[in-house]
Amino acid sequence: MLQVACAAAASVQKCVDGGVLQETLPPRIPLFMRVAELSTLVSSSTQQLRSLAALVQLFIAHKYSHAKYPNISGVLTEFLKLQRVLIFIDGLDKASGYWMMIEKFIDQTASAKDVCLMISTRDYALETSRLEDCLREFQSVKILPFDEGQRNRLIDRSASARQWRGCKLYRST
């Protein structure tokens, strides 16, 4: 997951540095969210969350406060609206009491193809989810370490095949 995030971040940096043609879509900004942290946010939130987008917005507001990271929150929010965020959700099996709710949000988002998602969870958790008819749109893969050339070829192949729109990957730990 880290290698994919690093490649996405490098693509964003290239765009920031002026290396992307104007006719192309902006690169995807990687956003890594630990489910344990999301669960804490949900439990302390005063607002009722109804979607993954709302949960991501809450995460962005919490994690990237304006004082500490000026403009980051706004940029992430804009890229989220443009569907140019690559969301990594790590440790779905660690969601405690919010597992089902977060899974439902993920399923709704995956069905609508609103955003590019990569989730990680343990094999037993995926099996349990599938018994509950959840996460069926995700393909199970085991990601091994790649060298830089392998990583770039994977990203190029995936990007050209799907334009990273609605792509679904799953990582087993």
C-alpha atoms as a PDB file:
ATOM      1  CA  MET A   1       0.000   0.000   0.000  1.00  0.00           C
ATOM      2  CA  LEU A   2       2.804   2.368   0.868  1.00  0.00           C
ATOM      3  CA  GLN A   3       4.431   1.964  -2.534  1.00  0.00           C
ATOM      4  CA  VAL A   4       1.182   2.804  -4.335  1.00  0.00           C
ATOM      5  CA  ALA A   5       0.695   5.818  -2.056  1.00  0.00           C
ATOM      6  CA  CYS A   6       4.275   6.972  -2.701  1.00  0.00           C
ATOM      7  CA  ALA A   7       3.816   6.706  -6.460  1.00  0.00           C
ATOM      8  CA  ALA A   8       0.576   8.706  -6.237  1.00  0.00           C
ATOM      9  CA  ALA A   9       2.291  11.318  -4.057  1.00  0.00           C
ATOM     10  CA  ALA A  10       5.149  11.583  -6.570  1.00  0.00           C
ATOM     11  CA  SER A  11       2.582  12.154  -9.325  1.00  0.00           C
ATOM     12  CA  VAL A  12       0.962  14.944  -7.302  1.00  0.00           C
ATOM     13  CA  GLN A  13       4.365  16.518  -6.630  1.00  0.00           C
ATOM     14  CA  LYS A  14       5.144  16.457 -10.351  1.00  0.00           C
ATOM     15  CA  CYS A  15       1.853  18.260 -11.014  1.00  0.00           C
ATOM     16  CA  VAL A  16       2.642  20.847  -8.335  1.00  0.00           C
ATOM     17  CA  ASP A  17       6.071  21.365  -9.883  1.00  0.00           C
ATOM     18  CA  GLY A  18       4.435  22.026 -13.260  1.00  0.00           C
ATOM     19  CA  GLY A  19       5.228  18.711 -14.918  1.00  0.00           C
ATOM     20  CA  VAL A  20       1.699  17.742 -15.989  1.00  0.00           C
ATOM     21  CA  LEU A  21       0.139  18.809 -19.263  1.00  0.00           C
ATOM     22  CA  GLN A  22      -2.938  21.008 -18.993  1.00  0.00           C
ATOM     23  CA  GLU A  23      -5.102  18.586 -21.020  1.00  0.00           C
ATOM     24  CA  THR A  24      -4.678  15.732 -18.541  1.00  0.00           C
ATOM     25  CA  LEU A  25      -6.659  15.049 -15.395  1.00  0.00           C
ATOM     26  CA  PRO A  26      -4.992  16.106 -12.172  1.00  0.00           C
ATOM     27  CA  PRO A  27      -3.272  13.225 -10.398  1.00  0.00           C
ATOM     28  CA  ARG A  28      -4.915  11.440  -7.506  1.00  0.00           C
ATOM     29  CA  ILE A  29      -3.897  12.614  -4.067  1.00  0.00           C
ATOM     30  CA  PRO A  30      -3.263   9.658  -1.747  1.00  0.00           C
ATOM     31  CA  LEU A  31      -5.123   9.806   1.569  1.00  0.00           C
ATOM     32  CA  PHE A  32      -4.201   7.148   4.120  1.00  0.00           C
ATOM     33  CA  MET A  33      -6.758   6.578   6.892  1.00  0.00           C
ATOM     34  CA  ARG A  34      -6.448   4.073   9.727  1.00  0.00           C
ATOM     35  CA  VAL A  35      -9.814   2.554  10.652  1.00  0.00           C
ATOM     36  CA  ALA A  36      -8.964   2.673  14.354  1.00  0.00           C
ATOM     37  CA  GLU A  37      -8.658   6.448  13.993  1.00  0.00           C
ATOM     38  CA  LEU A  38     -11.877   6.644  11.961  1.00  0.00           C
ATOM     39  CA  SER A  39     -13.710   4.713  14.696  1.00  0.00           C
ATOM     40  CA  THR A  40     -12.520   7.204  17.296  1.00  0.00           C
ATOM     41  CA  LEU A  41     -13.729  10.084  15.132  1.00  0.00           C
ATOM     42  CA  VAL A  42     -17.137   8.448  14.628  1.00  0.00           C
ATOM     43  CA  SER A  43     -17.569   7.803  18.348  1.00  0.00           C
ATOM     44  CA  SER A  44     -16.744  11.405  19.253  1.00  0.00           C
ATOM     45  CA  SER A  45     -18.622  13.060  16.386  1.00  0.00           C
ATOM     46  CA  THR A  46     -21.699  15.127  17.138  1.00  0.00           C
ATOM     47  CA  GLN A  47     -22.919  14.874  13.552  1.00  0.00           C
ATOM     48  CA  GLN A  48     -24.626  11.834  12.103  1.00  0.00           C
ATOM     49  CA  LEU A  49     -22.501  10.407   9.335  1.00  0.00           C
ATOM     50  CA  ARG A  50     -24.300   8.953   6.327  1.00  0.00           C
ATOM     51  CA  SER A  51     -21.535   8.284   3.808  1.00  0.00           C
ATOM     52  CA  LEU A  52     -17.863   7.603   3.315  1.00  0.00           C
ATOM     53  CA  ALA A  53     -17.502  11.107   1.860  1.00  0.00           C
ATOM     54  CA  ALA A  54     -18.822  12.593   5.123  1.00  0.00           C
ATOM     55  CA  LEU A  55     -16.444  10.393   7.129  1.00  0.00           C
ATOM     56  CA  VAL A  56     -13.513  11.415   4.908  1.00  0.00           C
ATOM     57  CA  GLN A  57     -14.469  15.089   5.347  1.00  0.00           C
ATOM     58  CA  LEU A  58     -14.504  14.609   9.131  1.00  0.00           C
ATOM     59  CA  PHE A  59     -11.101  12.902   8.935  1.00  0.00           C
ATOM     60  CA  ILE A  60      -9.637  15.698   6.807  1.00  0.00           C
ATOM     61  CA  ALA A  61     -10.976  18.389   9.156  1.00  0.00           C
ATOM     62  CA  HIS A  62      -9.561  16.557  12.170  1.00  0.00           C
ATOM     63  CA  LYS A  63      -6.220  15.483  10.740  1.00  0.00           C
ATOM     64  CA  TYR A  64      -5.337  18.579   8.739  1.00  0.00           C
ATOM     65  CA  SER A  65      -6.414  21.494  10.872  1.00  0.00           C
ATOM     66  CA  HIS A  66      -5.999  24.863   9.210  1.00  0.00           C
ATOM     67  CA  ALA A  67      -3.533  26.151  11.789  1.00  0.00           C
ATOM     68  CA  LYS A  68      -1.105  23.267  11.475  1.00  0.00           C
ATOM     69  CA  TYR A  69      -1.499  22.553   7.727  1.00  0.00           C
ATOM     70  CA  PRO A  70      -2.744  25.688   5.957  1.00  0.00           C
ATOM     71  CA  ASN A  71      -4.535  24.983   2.657  1.00  0.00           C
ATOM     72  CA  ILE A  72      -4.148  21.175   2.879  1.00  0.00           C
ATOM     73  CA  SER A  73      -7.708  20.678   4.098  1.00  0.00           C
ATOM     74  CA  GLY A  74      -9.100  22.802   1.255  1.00  0.00           C
ATOM     75  CA  VAL A  75      -7.004  21.079  -1.407  1.00  0.00           C
ATOM     76  CA  LEU A  76      -7.997  17.607  -0.185  1.00  0.00           C
ATOM     77  CA  THR A  77     -11.666  18.635  -0.070  1.00  0.00           C
ATOM     78  CA  GLU A  78     -11.515  19.993  -3.629  1.00  0.00           C
ATOM     79  CA  PHE A  79      -9.747  16.897  -4.947  1.00  0.00           C
ATOM     80  CA  LEU A  80     -12.330  14.726  -3.169  1.00  0.00           C
ATOM     81  CA  LYS A  81     -15.129  16.611  -4.978  1.00  0.00           C
ATOM     82  CA  LEU A  82     -13.269  16.097  -8.273  1.00  0.00           C
ATOM     83  CA  GLN A  83     -12.947  12.362  -7.487  1.00  0.00           C
ATOM     84  CA  ARG A  84      -9.172  12.681  -7.603  1.00  0.00           C
ATOM     85  CA  VAL A  85      -8.351  11.171  -4.205  1.00  0.00           C
ATOM     86  CA  LEU A  86      -6.895   7.691  -3.812  1.00  0.00           C
ATOM     87  CA  ILE A  87      -8.256   6.568  -0.440  1.00  0.00           C
ATOM     88  CA  PHE A  88      -6.380   3.933   1.535  1.00  0.00           C
ATOM     89  CA  ILE A  89      -8.419   2.497   4.398  1.00  0.00           C
ATOM     90  CA  ASP A  90      -6.143   0.450   6.607  1.00  0.00           C
ATOM     91  CA  GLY A  91      -7.163  -2.133   9.194  1.00  0.00           C
ATOM     92  CA  LEU A  92     -10.876  -2.550   8.530  1.00  0.00           C
ATOM     93  CA  ASP A  93     -10.895  -5.409  11.038  1.00  0.00           C
ATOM     94  CA  LYS A  94      -9.913  -2.897  13.760  1.00  0.00           C
ATOM     95  CA  ALA A  95     -13.102  -0.811  13.481  1.00  0.00           C
ATOM     96  CA  SER A  96     -14.555  -2.288  16.710  1.00  0.00           C
ATOM     97  CA  GLY A  97     -18.205  -1.287  17.073  1.00  0.00           C
ATOM     98  CA  TYR A  98     -18.203   0.728  13.845  1.00  0.00           C
ATOM     99  CA  TRP A  99     -17.080  -2.046  11.511  1.00  0.00           C
ATOM    100  CA  MET A 100     -20.504  -2.613   9.921  1.00  0.00           C
ATOM    101  CA  MET A 101     -21.166   1.101   9.447  1.00  0.00           C
ATOM    102  CA  ILE A 102     -17.779   1.765   7.833  1.00  0.00           C
ATOM    103  CA  GLU A 103     -18.201  -1.331   5.636  1.00  0.00           C
ATOM    104  CA  LYS A 104     -21.613  -0.073   4.524  1.00  0.00           C
ATOM    105  CA  PHE A 105     -20.095   3.306   3.615  1.00  0.00           C
ATOM    106  CA  ILE A 106     -17.322   1.559   1.660  1.00  0.00           C
ATOM    107  CA  ASP A 107     -19.824  -0.631  -0.201  1.00  0.00           C
ATOM    108  CA  GLN A 108     -22.030   2.354  -1.098  1.00  0.00           C
ATOM    109  CA  THR A 109     -19.036   4.290  -2.394  1.00  0.00           C
ATOM    110  CA  ALA A 110     -17.645   1.311  -4.329  1.00  0.00           C
ATOM    111  CA  SER A 111     -21.035   0.651  -5.959  1.00  0.00           C
ATOM    112  CA  ALA A 112     -21.359   4.279  -7.013  1.00  0.00           C
ATOM    113  CA  LYS A 113     -17.744   4.325  -8.253  1.00  0.00           C
ATOM    114  CA  ASP A 114     -17.380   7.706  -6.569  1.00  0.00           C
ATOM    115  CA  VAL A 115     -13.778   7.299  -5.528  1.00  0.00           C
ATOM    116  CA  CYS A 116     -10.781   5.013  -5.883  1.00  0.00           C
ATOM    117  CA  LEU A 117     -10.455   2.818  -2.805  1.00  0.00           C
ATOM    118  CA  MET A 118      -7.894   0.411  -1.455  1.00  0.00           C
ATOM    119  CA  ILE A 119      -8.667  -1.326   1.820  1.00  0.00           C
ATOM    120  CA  SER A 120      -6.679  -3.641   4.011  1.00  0.00           C
ATOM    121  CA  THR A 121      -7.988  -6.156   6.470  1.00  0.00           C
ATOM    122  CA  ARG A 122      -7.225  -9.661   7.641  1.00  0.00           C
ATOM    123  CA  ASP A 123      -8.439 -12.650   5.642  1.00  0.00           C
ATOM    124  CA  TYR A 124     -10.866 -13.778   8.367  1.00  0.00           C
ATOM    125  CA  ALA A 125     -12.453 -10.312   8.391  1.00  0.00           C
ATOM    126  CA  LEU A 126     -12.949 -10.343   4.623  1.00  0.00           C
ATOM    127  CA  GLU A 127     -14.546 -13.798   4.844  1.00  0.00           C
ATOM    128  CA  THR A 128     -16.881 -12.553   7.592  1.00  0.00           C
ATOM    129  CA  SER A 129     -17.761  -9.487   5.534  1.00  0.00           C
ATOM    130  CA  ARG A 130     -18.547 -11.588   2.493  1.00  0.00           C
ATOM    131  CA  LEU A 131     -20.801 -13.842   4.600  1.00  0.00           C
ATOM    132  CA  GLU A 132     -22.687 -10.656   5.493  1.00  0.00           C
ATOM    133  CA  ASP A 133     -22.841  -9.793   1.760  1.00  0.00           C
ATOM    134  CA  CYS A 134     -20.374  -6.909   2.114  1.00  0.00           C
ATOM    135  CA  LEU A 135     -17.252  -5.954   0.150  1.00  0.00           C
ATOM    136  CA  ARG A 136     -18.291  -8.156  -2.775  1.00  0.00           C
ATOM    137  CA  GLU A 137     -17.076  -5.615  -5.335  1.00  0.00           C
ATOM    138  CA  PHE A 138     -13.519  -5.799  -4.038  1.00  0.00           C
ATOM    139  CA  GLN A 139     -10.968  -8.116  -5.510  1.00  0.00           C
ATOM    140  CA  SER A 140      -8.722  -9.842  -3.013  1.00  0.00           C
ATOM    141  CA  VAL A 141      -5.035  -9.427  -3.734  1.00  0.00           C
ATOM    142  CA  LYS A 142      -1.875  -9.873  -1.786  1.00  0.00           C
ATOM    143  CA  ILE A 143       0.539  -7.036  -2.405  1.00  0.00           C
ATOM    144  CA  LEU A 144       4.206  -7.883  -2.242  1.00  0.00           C
ATOM    145  CA  PRO A 145       7.057  -5.388  -2.226  1.00  0.00           C
ATOM    146  CA  PHE A 146       7.792  -3.930  -5.658  1.00  0.00           C
ATOM    147  CA  ASP A 147      10.852  -2.236  -6.963  1.00  0.00           C
ATOM    148  CA  GLU A 148      10.315   1.192  -8.533  1.00  0.00           C
ATOM    149  CA  GLY A 149      10.015  -0.153 -12.082  1.00  0.00           C
ATOM    150  CA  GLN A 150       7.404  -2.751 -11.123  1.00  0.00           C
ATOM    151  CA  ARG A 151       5.398  -0.197  -9.169  1.00  0.00           C
ATOM    152  CA  ASN A 152       5.356   2.291 -12.046  1.00  0.00           C
ATOM    153  CA  ARG A 153       4.350  -0.382 -14.578  1.00  0.00           C
ATOM    154  CA  LEU A 154       1.477  -1.496 -12.310  1.00  0.00           C
ATOM    155  CA  ILE A 155       0.243   2.061 -11.874  1.00  0.00           C
ATOM    156  CA  ASP A 156       0.563   2.849 -15.590  1.00  0.00           C
ATOM    157  CA  ARG A 157      -1.255  -0.345 -16.583  1.00  0.00           C
ATOM    158  CA  SER A 158      -4.045   0.201 -14.043  1.00  0.00           C
ATOM    159  CA  ALA A 159      -4.373   3.889 -14.859  1.00  0.00           C
ATOM    160  CA  SER A 160      -4.633   3.309 -18.589  1.00  0.00           C
ATOM    161  CA  ALA A 161      -7.071   0.417 -18.205  1.00  0.00           C
ATOM    162  CA  ARG A 162      -9.425   2.132 -15.755  1.00  0.00           C
ATOM    163  CA  GLN A 163      -8.267   5.735 -15.517  1.00  0.00           C
ATOM    164  CA  TRP A 164      -8.226   4.922 -11.771  1.00  0.00           C
ATOM    165  CA  ARG A 165     -11.977   5.617 -11.701  1.00  0.00           C
ATOM    166  CA  GLY A 166     -13.753   3.205  -9.409  1.00  0.00           C
ATOM    167  CA  CYS A 167     -10.768   0.897  -9.076  1.00  0.00           C
ATOM    168  CA  LYS A 168     -11.026  -1.507  -6.181  1.00  0.00           C
ATOM    169  CA  LEU A 169      -8.118  -3.257  -4.535  1.00  0.00           C
ATOM    170  CA  TYR A 170      -7.890  -5.200  -1.296  1.00  0.00           C
ATOM    171  CA  ARG A 171      -4.764  -5.949   0.658  1.00  0.00           C
ATOM    172  CA  SER A 172      -4.541  -8.816   3.084  1.00  0.00           C
ATOM    173  CA  THR A 173      -2.140  -8.466   5.988  1.00  0.00           C
END
